[in-house]
């Protein structure tokens, strides 16, 4: 929707752009927000790169990035939980 119908100067990602765990449950009824298949947990640079490449293979995300620059910011819990 955003890539097609919005005339934006940029896209702002608030929070997690890539999750390090196996997948985030949205709710018991809806299942996993994004499945990472057999990719291991992102606990190393190589595994983060695999996760990043998987995200960027999504056609909708590719269209969004082609439509406008992306700005990603940290989640609030990154500072509170484990920033240092």
N, C-alpha and C. Protein backbone atom coordinates (compact mmCIF):
# COMPACT_ATOMS: atom_id res chain seq x y z
N UNK A 1 0.83 -1.20 0.00
CA UNK A 1 0.00 0.00 0.00
C UNK A 1 0.87 1.26 0.00
N UNK A 2 1.86 1.29 0.89
CA UNK A 2 2.67 2.49 1.01
C UNK A 2 3.46 2.77 -0.26
N UNK A 3 3.98 1.75 -0.88
CA UNK A 3 4.77 1.95 -2.10
C UNK A 3 3.90 2.40 -3.26
N UNK A 4 2.68 1.91 -3.31
CA UNK A 4 1.77 2.22 -4.42
C UNK A 4 1.02 3.52 -4.24
N UNK A 5 0.46 3.74 -3.05
CA UNK A 5 -0.56 4.76 -2.86
C UNK A 5 -0.13 5.99 -2.07
N UNK A 6 1.04 5.98 -1.52
CA UNK A 6 1.48 7.12 -0.71
C UNK A 6 2.54 7.91 -1.46
N UNK A 7 2.48 9.20 -1.34
CA UNK A 7 3.51 10.07 -1.91
C UNK A 7 4.38 10.55 -0.76
N UNK A 8 5.34 9.72 -0.37
CA UNK A 8 6.16 10.01 0.81
C UNK A 8 7.56 10.42 0.42
N UNK A 9 8.13 11.26 1.25
CA UNK A 9 9.52 11.65 1.04
C UNK A 9 10.46 10.61 1.64
N UNK A 10 9.98 9.86 2.64
CA UNK A 10 10.77 8.80 3.27
C UNK A 10 9.83 7.86 4.01
N UNK A 11 10.37 6.72 4.40
CA UNK A 11 9.64 5.76 5.24
C UNK A 11 10.38 5.67 6.56
N UNK A 12 9.68 5.81 7.65
CA UNK A 12 10.28 5.76 8.98
C UNK A 12 9.90 4.43 9.63
N UNK A 13 10.90 3.64 9.96
CA UNK A 13 10.69 2.37 10.65
C UNK A 13 10.88 2.61 12.14
N UNK A 14 9.83 2.47 12.90
CA UNK A 14 9.87 2.68 14.35
C UNK A 14 10.03 1.33 15.03
N UNK A 15 11.22 1.07 15.51
CA UNK A 15 11.42 -0.19 16.22
C UNK A 15 12.16 -1.22 15.41
N UNK A 16 11.87 -2.46 15.72
CA UNK A 16 12.63 -3.57 15.14
C UNK A 16 12.40 -3.69 13.64
N UNK A 17 13.48 -3.66 12.91
CA UNK A 17 13.45 -3.87 11.47
C UNK A 17 13.69 -5.35 11.18
N UNK A 18 14.54 -5.96 11.98
CA UNK A 18 14.83 -7.39 11.91
C UNK A 18 14.79 -7.95 13.32
N UNK A 19 14.07 -9.04 13.50
CA UNK A 19 14.06 -9.73 14.80
C UNK A 19 15.15 -10.78 14.83
N UNK A 20 15.78 -10.93 15.98
CA UNK A 20 16.85 -11.92 16.08
C UNK A 20 16.35 -13.32 16.40
N UNK A 21 15.13 -13.44 16.92
CA UNK A 21 14.61 -14.75 17.29
C UNK A 21 13.98 -15.46 16.09
N UNK A 22 13.43 -16.63 16.31
CA UNK A 22 12.89 -17.46 15.23
C UNK A 22 11.65 -16.86 14.57
N UNK A 23 10.94 -16.03 15.24
CA UNK A 23 9.73 -15.41 14.70
C UNK A 23 8.93 -14.84 15.85
N UNK A 24 8.16 -13.84 15.60
CA UNK A 24 7.39 -13.19 16.66
C UNK A 24 5.92 -13.57 16.53
N UNK A 25 5.35 -14.19 17.58
CA UNK A 25 3.92 -14.48 17.51
C UNK A 25 3.11 -13.19 17.64
N UNK A 26 2.16 -13.01 16.74
CA UNK A 26 1.26 -11.87 16.81
C UNK A 26 0.19 -12.15 17.84
N UNK A 27 -0.40 -13.31 17.75
CA UNK A 27 -1.39 -13.79 18.72
C UNK A 27 -1.56 -15.28 18.50
N UNK A 28 -2.09 -16.01 19.47
CA UNK A 28 -2.29 -17.46 19.29
C UNK A 28 -3.19 -17.77 18.09
N UNK A 29 -4.12 -16.88 17.78
CA UNK A 29 -5.03 -17.11 16.66
C UNK A 29 -4.38 -16.85 15.31
N UNK A 30 -3.48 -15.88 15.25
CA UNK A 30 -2.91 -15.45 13.97
C UNK A 30 -1.56 -16.06 13.67
N UNK A 31 -0.89 -16.63 14.65
CA UNK A 31 0.39 -17.29 14.39
C UNK A 31 1.56 -16.33 14.33
N UNK A 32 2.52 -16.63 13.50
CA UNK A 32 3.78 -15.91 13.42
C UNK A 32 3.66 -14.70 12.49
N UNK A 33 4.18 -13.57 12.91
CA UNK A 33 4.19 -12.37 12.08
C UNK A 33 5.08 -12.61 10.86
N UNK A 34 6.27 -13.07 11.07
CA UNK A 34 7.19 -13.39 9.97
C UNK A 34 7.96 -14.63 10.37
N UNK A 35 7.92 -15.61 9.50
CA UNK A 35 8.65 -16.85 9.74
C UNK A 35 10.03 -16.74 9.10
N UNK A 36 11.02 -17.24 9.80
CA UNK A 36 12.38 -17.24 9.27
C UNK A 36 12.79 -18.63 8.80
N UNK A 37 11.82 -19.54 8.68
CA UNK A 37 12.10 -20.87 8.18
C UNK A 37 13.17 -21.57 8.99
N UNK A 38 14.17 -22.09 8.32
CA UNK A 38 15.23 -22.82 9.02
C UNK A 38 16.45 -21.96 9.32
N UNK A 39 16.33 -20.64 9.18
CA UNK A 39 17.46 -19.77 9.53
C UNK A 39 17.69 -19.83 11.03
N UNK A 40 18.96 -19.89 11.45
CA UNK A 40 19.25 -19.89 12.89
C UNK A 40 18.97 -18.53 13.50
N UNK A 41 18.92 -18.50 14.82
CA UNK A 41 18.77 -17.22 15.52
C UNK A 41 19.89 -16.29 15.09
N UNK A 42 19.58 -15.03 14.95
CA UNK A 42 20.57 -14.04 14.52
C UNK A 42 21.46 -13.66 15.70
N UNK A 43 22.47 -14.48 15.93
CA UNK A 43 23.37 -14.26 17.06
C UNK A 43 24.80 -13.99 16.61
N UNK A 44 24.98 -13.78 15.32
CA UNK A 44 26.30 -13.46 14.77
C UNK A 44 26.10 -12.55 13.57
N UNK A 45 27.17 -11.94 13.13
CA UNK A 45 27.09 -11.05 11.98
C UNK A 45 26.60 -11.82 10.74
N UNK A 46 27.10 -13.02 10.53
CA UNK A 46 26.69 -13.82 9.37
C UNK A 46 25.20 -14.14 9.42
N UNK A 47 24.69 -14.47 10.61
CA UNK A 47 23.27 -14.79 10.73
C UNK A 47 22.39 -13.54 10.57
N UNK A 48 22.86 -12.40 11.04
CA UNK A 48 22.12 -11.15 10.81
C UNK A 48 22.08 -10.83 9.31
N UNK A 49 23.18 -11.06 8.63
CA UNK A 49 23.21 -10.80 7.19
C UNK A 49 22.23 -11.72 6.45
N UNK A 50 22.12 -12.97 6.87
CA UNK A 50 21.14 -13.88 6.26
C UNK A 50 19.72 -13.38 6.49
N UNK A 51 19.45 -12.95 7.69
CA UNK A 51 18.12 -12.43 8.05
C UNK A 51 17.81 -11.17 7.25
N UNK A 52 18.78 -10.29 7.14
CA UNK A 52 18.62 -9.05 6.37
C UNK A 52 18.34 -9.36 4.90
N UNK A 53 19.09 -10.32 4.34
CA UNK A 53 18.89 -10.71 2.95
C UNK A 53 17.50 -11.31 2.75
N UNK A 54 17.01 -12.07 3.71
CA UNK A 54 15.67 -12.64 3.60
C UNK A 54 14.63 -11.52 3.56
N UNK A 55 14.75 -10.55 4.45
CA UNK A 55 13.81 -9.42 4.45
C UNK A 55 13.83 -8.71 3.10
N UNK A 56 15.00 -8.49 2.59
CA UNK A 56 15.13 -7.73 1.34
C UNK A 56 14.79 -8.54 0.10
N UNK A 57 14.45 -9.79 0.27
CA UNK A 57 13.95 -10.58 -0.87
C UNK A 57 12.43 -10.44 -0.99
N UNK A 58 11.78 -9.83 0.00
CA UNK A 58 10.33 -9.64 -0.02
C UNK A 58 9.97 -8.58 -1.07
N UNK A 59 9.11 -8.91 -2.05
CA UNK A 59 8.80 -7.95 -3.11
C UNK A 59 8.14 -6.66 -2.62
N UNK A 60 7.31 -6.75 -1.59
CA UNK A 60 6.65 -5.54 -1.07
C UNK A 60 7.66 -4.61 -0.41
N UNK A 61 8.57 -5.18 0.36
CA UNK A 61 9.59 -4.35 1.00
C UNK A 61 10.54 -3.74 -0.04
N UNK A 62 10.86 -4.51 -1.06
CA UNK A 62 11.71 -3.98 -2.14
C UNK A 62 11.03 -2.79 -2.83
N UNK A 63 9.73 -2.90 -3.06
CA UNK A 63 8.99 -1.80 -3.68
C UNK A 63 8.96 -0.58 -2.77
N UNK A 64 8.79 -0.81 -1.46
CA UNK A 64 8.78 0.31 -0.52
C UNK A 64 10.12 1.02 -0.50
N UNK A 65 11.21 0.26 -0.48
CA UNK A 65 12.53 0.88 -0.48
C UNK A 65 12.82 1.58 -1.80
N UNK A 66 12.27 1.10 -2.89
CA UNK A 66 12.47 1.75 -4.18
C UNK A 66 11.67 3.06 -4.28
N UNK A 67 10.56 3.14 -3.54
CA UNK A 67 9.69 4.31 -3.62
C UNK A 67 10.22 5.51 -2.84
N UNK A 68 10.92 5.25 -1.73
CA UNK A 68 11.40 6.35 -0.89
C UNK A 68 12.52 5.86 0.01
N UNK A 69 13.41 6.75 0.43
CA UNK A 69 14.45 6.35 1.37
C UNK A 69 13.84 5.86 2.69
N UNK A 70 14.58 4.99 3.36
CA UNK A 70 14.13 4.44 4.64
C UNK A 70 15.01 4.96 5.77
N UNK A 71 14.36 5.27 6.87
CA UNK A 71 15.05 5.68 8.10
C UNK A 71 14.61 4.71 9.18
N UNK A 72 15.57 4.05 9.82
CA UNK A 72 15.25 3.13 10.91
C UNK A 72 15.79 3.70 12.21
N UNK A 73 15.01 3.62 13.27
CA UNK A 73 15.47 4.08 14.58
C UNK A 73 15.40 2.93 15.56
N UNK A 74 16.08 3.09 16.67
CA UNK A 74 16.10 2.06 17.69
C UNK A 74 14.77 1.98 18.39
N UNK A 75 14.46 0.79 18.86
CA UNK A 75 13.35 0.59 19.77
C UNK A 75 13.69 1.19 21.12
N UNK A 76 12.68 1.58 21.87
CA UNK A 76 12.95 2.12 23.20
C UNK A 76 13.59 1.07 24.10
N UNK A 77 13.26 -0.21 23.92
CA UNK A 77 13.83 -1.22 24.81
C UNK A 77 15.30 -1.47 24.52
N UNK A 78 15.81 -1.09 23.34
CA UNK A 78 17.23 -1.27 23.07
C UNK A 78 18.05 -0.41 24.02
N UNK A 79 17.59 0.78 24.31
CA UNK A 79 18.32 1.65 25.24
C UNK A 79 18.13 1.17 26.66
N UNK A 80 16.92 0.82 27.05
CA UNK A 80 16.66 0.43 28.43
C UNK A 80 17.22 -0.94 28.76
N UNK A 81 17.08 -1.91 27.85
CA UNK A 81 17.44 -3.29 28.18
C UNK A 81 18.92 -3.63 27.98
N UNK A 82 19.46 -3.27 26.82
CA UNK A 82 20.80 -3.78 26.52
C UNK A 82 21.64 -2.87 25.66
N UNK A 83 21.40 -1.61 25.71
CA UNK A 83 22.15 -0.68 24.87
C UNK A 83 23.64 -0.71 25.17
N UNK A 84 24.00 -0.64 26.43
CA UNK A 84 25.40 -0.58 26.79
C UNK A 84 26.04 -1.94 26.77
